[in-house]
């Protein structure tokens, strides 16, 4: 997936997803513009 969002813009597992990506050297961009 390339993004994960809810109606309120919340991502419950953001830290876990970020950690998994970093372990695999996958860049992570977190954007919050609301």
Protein backbone atom coordinates (compact mmCIF):
# COMPACT_ATOMS: atom_id res chain seq x y z
CA UNK A 1 0.00 0.00 0.00
CA UNK A 2 1.13 3.54 -0.52
CA UNK A 3 -1.01 5.23 2.10
CA UNK A 4 -3.21 4.51 5.08
CA UNK A 5 -5.86 6.87 6.33
CA UNK A 6 -9.19 7.07 8.06
CA UNK A 7 -11.95 9.67 8.00
CA UNK A 8 -10.17 11.48 10.83
CA UNK A 9 -6.71 10.97 9.32
CA UNK A 10 -5.65 8.60 12.11
CA UNK A 11 -3.22 5.74 11.65
CA UNK A 12 -3.28 3.50 14.72
CA UNK A 13 -0.21 1.47 13.85
CA UNK A 14 1.97 4.28 12.52
CA UNK A 15 4.99 3.53 14.73
CA UNK A 16 4.93 -0.20 13.95
CA UNK A 17 4.54 0.40 10.22
CA UNK A 18 7.37 2.94 10.28
CA UNK A 19 9.65 0.55 12.17
CA UNK A 20 8.95 -2.28 9.71
CA UNK A 21 9.68 0.00 6.77
CA UNK A 22 12.92 1.25 8.30
CA UNK A 23 14.07 -2.33 8.95
CA UNK A 24 13.66 -2.95 5.22
CA UNK A 25 15.20 0.42 4.27
CA UNK A 26 11.91 1.65 2.80
CA UNK A 27 11.44 5.43 2.97
CA UNK A 28 8.51 6.69 5.01
CA UNK A 29 6.76 10.02 4.54
CA UNK A 30 4.22 11.15 7.11
CA UNK A 31 2.05 14.03 5.99
CA UNK A 32 -0.49 15.83 8.13
CA UNK A 33 -2.20 18.85 6.61
CA UNK A 34 -5.60 18.95 8.26
